[in-house]
């Protein structure tokens, strides 16, 4: 498939342990994570470590919010965090998502994330 590439990998933890995990991983890697903000539709928040070519490592936690329990991603983060912090998933990026939607037989879900400075990013 043309245009398929690794986008990021996700590590899930609890809200209580989020900053500790970010500091621990950053010191092991020798780099600093930045506050990635909140995913309002999914009820999660993250810190990211930018890598080369627009790829990154994400440390994500569930928030105490209704959307956490009502979204697939929020439920997945909550489940992994409750089982103990750890690697959860990897995410790919594609040039044309309609091909993937057809293969899966469903439409993609729109997501947004707002950085603390107000910048918002969107994806499907």
C-alpha atoms as a PDB file:
ATOM      1  CA  UNK A   1       0.000   0.000   0.000  1.00  0.00           C
ATOM      2  CA  UNK A   2       1.481   3.319  -1.088  1.00  0.00           C
ATOM      3  CA  UNK A   3       1.844   5.977   1.604  1.00  0.00           C
ATOM      4  CA  UNK A   4       1.634   3.706   4.664  1.00  0.00           C
ATOM      5  CA  UNK A   5       4.110   4.672   7.377  1.00  0.00           C
ATOM      6  CA  UNK A   6       4.598   4.330  11.115  1.00  0.00           C
ATOM      7  CA  UNK A   7       3.297   7.493  12.802  1.00  0.00           C
ATOM      8  CA  UNK A   8       3.791   6.865  16.510  1.00  0.00           C
ATOM      9  CA  UNK A   9       3.871   4.306  19.290  1.00  0.00           C
ATOM     10  CA  UNK A  10       1.810   4.632  22.448  1.00  0.00           C
ATOM     11  CA  UNK A  11       2.631   3.831  26.038  1.00  0.00           C
ATOM     12  CA  UNK A  12      -0.316   3.955  28.480  1.00  0.00           C
ATOM     13  CA  UNK A  13      -0.216   4.820  32.145  1.00  0.00           C
ATOM     14  CA  UNK A  14      -2.495   6.217  34.825  1.00  0.00           C
ATOM     15  CA  UNK A  15      -3.095   9.913  35.323  1.00  0.00           C
ATOM     16  CA  UNK A  16      -1.338   9.648  38.688  1.00  0.00           C
ATOM     17  CA  UNK A  17       1.808   8.155  37.088  1.00  0.00           C
ATOM     18  CA  UNK A  18       1.860  10.196  33.883  1.00  0.00           C
ATOM     19  CA  UNK A  19       4.572  12.681  34.825  1.00  0.00           C
ATOM     20  CA  UNK A  20       6.725  10.010  36.500  1.00  0.00           C
ATOM     21  CA  UNK A  21       6.608   7.834  33.361  1.00  0.00           C
ATOM     22  CA  UNK A  22       7.382  10.794  31.109  1.00  0.00           C
ATOM     23  CA  UNK A  23      10.404  11.737  33.229  1.00  0.00           C
ATOM     24  CA  UNK A  24      11.578   8.116  33.522  1.00  0.00           C
ATOM     25  CA  UNK A  25      11.346   7.445  29.792  1.00  0.00           C
ATOM     26  CA  UNK A  26      12.867  10.808  28.895  1.00  0.00           C
ATOM     27  CA  UNK A  27      15.892  10.157  31.100  1.00  0.00           C
ATOM     28  CA  UNK A  28      16.357   6.661  29.641  1.00  0.00           C
ATOM     29  CA  UNK A  29      16.197   8.010  26.099  1.00  0.00           C
ATOM     30  CA  UNK A  30      18.151  11.165  26.901  1.00  0.00           C
ATOM     31  CA  UNK A  31      15.531  13.576  25.623  1.00  0.00           C
ATOM     32  CA  UNK A  32      12.528  15.527  26.877  1.00  0.00           C
ATOM     33  CA  UNK A  33       8.851  14.965  26.212  1.00  0.00           C
ATOM     34  CA  UNK A  34       6.550  17.903  25.527  1.00  0.00           C
ATOM     35  CA  UNK A  35       3.002  18.350  26.763  1.00  0.00           C
ATOM     36  CA  UNK A  36       0.831  17.096  23.923  1.00  0.00           C
ATOM     37  CA  UNK A  37      -2.425  18.203  25.503  1.00  0.00           C
ATOM     38  CA  UNK A  38      -5.862  16.652  25.773  1.00  0.00           C
ATOM     39  CA  UNK A  39      -7.838  14.464  23.352  1.00  0.00           C
ATOM     40  CA  UNK A  40     -11.323  15.796  24.238  1.00  0.00           C
ATOM     41  CA  UNK A  41     -13.261  13.263  22.164  1.00  0.00           C
ATOM     42  CA  UNK A  42     -11.386  10.321  23.730  1.00  0.00           C
ATOM     43  CA  UNK A  43     -11.015  11.537  27.321  1.00  0.00           C
ATOM     44  CA  UNK A  44      -7.234  11.148  27.343  1.00  0.00           C
ATOM     45  CA  UNK A  45      -4.158  13.375  27.541  1.00  0.00           C
ATOM     46  CA  UNK A  46      -0.604  12.813  26.460  1.00  0.00           C
ATOM     47  CA  UNK A  47       2.993  13.877  26.390  1.00  0.00           C
ATOM     48  CA  UNK A  48       4.968  13.295  23.207  1.00  0.00           C
ATOM     49  CA  UNK A  49       8.614  12.859  22.311  1.00  0.00           C
ATOM     50  CA  UNK A  50       9.116  14.094  18.737  1.00  0.00           C
ATOM     51  CA  UNK A  51      11.394  11.946  16.604  1.00  0.00           C
ATOM     52  CA  UNK A  52      12.646  12.309  13.040  1.00  0.00           C
ATOM     53  CA  UNK A  53      10.295  12.558  10.053  1.00  0.00           C
ATOM     54  CA  UNK A  54       7.206  13.604  12.059  1.00  0.00           C
ATOM     55  CA  UNK A  55       7.157  10.416  14.121  1.00  0.00           C
ATOM     56  CA  UNK A  56       6.871  10.374  17.891  1.00  0.00           C
ATOM     57  CA  UNK A  57       6.524   8.390  21.087  1.00  0.00           C
ATOM     58  CA  UNK A  58       3.355   9.067  23.059  1.00  0.00           C
ATOM     59  CA  UNK A  59       2.771   8.545  26.769  1.00  0.00           C
ATOM     60  CA  UNK A  60      -0.989   8.694  27.268  1.00  0.00           C
ATOM     61  CA  UNK A  61      -3.347   8.419  30.227  1.00  0.00           C
ATOM     62  CA  UNK A  62      -7.113   8.266  30.712  1.00  0.00           C
ATOM     63  CA  UNK A  63      -8.870  11.221  32.297  1.00  0.00           C
ATOM     64  CA  UNK A  64     -11.831  11.146  34.633  1.00  0.00           C
ATOM     65  CA  UNK A  65     -14.280  12.264  31.984  1.00  0.00           C
ATOM     66  CA  UNK A  66     -17.444  10.766  30.388  1.00  0.00           C
ATOM     67  CA  UNK A  67     -15.809  10.596  26.947  1.00  0.00           C
ATOM     68  CA  UNK A  68     -13.135   8.252  28.359  1.00  0.00           C
ATOM     69  CA  UNK A  69     -15.792   5.586  28.916  1.00  0.00           C
ATOM     70  CA  UNK A  70     -17.615   6.341  25.656  1.00  0.00           C
ATOM     71  CA  UNK A  71     -14.722   6.062  23.203  1.00  0.00           C
ATOM     72  CA  UNK A  72     -12.860   2.991  22.044  1.00  0.00           C
ATOM     73  CA  UNK A  73      -9.481   4.683  22.510  1.00  0.00           C
ATOM     74  CA  UNK A  74     -10.381   5.953  25.984  1.00  0.00           C
ATOM     75  CA  UNK A  75     -11.462   2.458  27.024  1.00  0.00           C
ATOM     76  CA  UNK A  76      -8.288   0.933  25.569  1.00  0.00           C
ATOM     77  CA  UNK A  77      -6.048   3.404  27.429  1.00  0.00           C
ATOM     78  CA  UNK A  78      -7.970   2.839  30.671  1.00  0.00           C
ATOM     79  CA  UNK A  79      -7.697  -0.943  30.346  1.00  0.00           C
ATOM     80  CA  UNK A  80      -3.945  -0.908  29.642  1.00  0.00           C
ATOM     81  CA  UNK A  81      -3.248   1.615  32.406  1.00  0.00           C
ATOM     82  CA  UNK A  82      -5.260  -0.411  34.938  1.00  0.00           C
ATOM     83  CA  UNK A  83      -3.264  -3.541  34.045  1.00  0.00           C
ATOM     84  CA  UNK A  84      -0.030  -1.662  34.739  1.00  0.00           C
ATOM     85  CA  UNK A  85       1.771   0.941  32.670  1.00  0.00           C
ATOM     86  CA  UNK A  86       3.164  -0.336  29.411  1.00  0.00           C
ATOM     87  CA  UNK A  87       3.310  -0.305  25.638  1.00  0.00           C
ATOM     88  CA  UNK A  88      -0.160  -0.302  24.184  1.00  0.00           C
ATOM     89  CA  UNK A  89      -0.169   0.110  20.406  1.00  0.00           C
ATOM     90  CA  UNK A  90       1.459   1.485  17.313  1.00  0.00           C
ATOM     91  CA  UNK A  91      -0.271   3.821  14.877  1.00  0.00           C
ATOM     92  CA  UNK A  92       0.180   4.129  11.136  1.00  0.00           C
ATOM     93  CA  UNK A  93      -0.482   7.018   8.803  1.00  0.00           C
ATOM     94  CA  UNK A  94      -1.808   6.641   5.271  1.00  0.00           C
ATOM     95  CA  UNK A  95      -2.147   9.101   2.415  1.00  0.00           C
ATOM     96  CA  UNK A  96      -5.697   7.993   1.573  1.00  0.00           C
ATOM     97  CA  UNK A  97      -7.723   6.643   4.507  1.00  0.00           C
ATOM     98  CA  UNK A  98     -10.711   5.736   2.317  1.00  0.00           C
ATOM     99  CA  UNK A  99      -8.881   2.552   1.283  1.00  0.00           C
ATOM    100  CA  UNK A 100      -8.586   1.492   4.944  1.00  0.00           C
ATOM    101  CA  UNK A 101     -12.209   2.435   5.649  1.00  0.00           C
ATOM    102  CA  UNK A 102     -13.317   0.208   2.774  1.00  0.00           C
ATOM    103  CA  UNK A 103     -11.171  -2.700   3.990  1.00  0.00           C
ATOM    104  CA  UNK A 104     -12.524  -2.372   7.555  1.00  0.00           C
ATOM    105  CA  UNK A 105     -16.091  -1.752   6.426  1.00  0.00           C
ATOM    106  CA  UNK A 106     -16.517   1.404   8.525  1.00  0.00           C
ATOM    107  CA  UNK A 107     -15.753   5.099   8.525  1.00  0.00           C
ATOM    108  CA  UNK A 108     -12.825   6.444  10.507  1.00  0.00           C
ATOM    109  CA  UNK A 109     -13.374   8.549  13.614  1.00  0.00           C
ATOM    110  CA  UNK A 110     -12.212  12.146  13.760  1.00  0.00           C
ATOM    111  CA  UNK A 111      -9.836  13.060  16.551  1.00  0.00           C
ATOM    112  CA  UNK A 112      -8.390  16.307  17.826  1.00  0.00           C
ATOM    113  CA  UNK A 113      -5.757  17.287  20.318  1.00  0.00           C
ATOM    114  CA  UNK A 114      -5.141  20.751  21.699  1.00  0.00           C
ATOM    115  CA  UNK A 115      -1.670  21.725  22.884  1.00  0.00           C
ATOM    116  CA  UNK A 116      -1.422  23.875  26.022  1.00  0.00           C
ATOM    117  CA  UNK A 117      -0.596  26.885  23.792  1.00  0.00           C
ATOM    118  CA  UNK A 118      -3.971  26.481  22.046  1.00  0.00           C
ATOM    119  CA  UNK A 119      -2.699  24.946  18.785  1.00  0.00           C
ATOM    120  CA  UNK A 120      -5.073  22.204  17.655  1.00  0.00           C
ATOM    121  CA  UNK A 121      -4.274  19.242  15.436  1.00  0.00           C
ATOM    122  CA  UNK A 122      -6.883  17.054  13.759  1.00  0.00           C
ATOM    123  CA  UNK A 123      -6.818  13.593  12.225  1.00  0.00           C
ATOM    124  CA  UNK A 124      -9.020  10.700  11.163  1.00  0.00           C
END
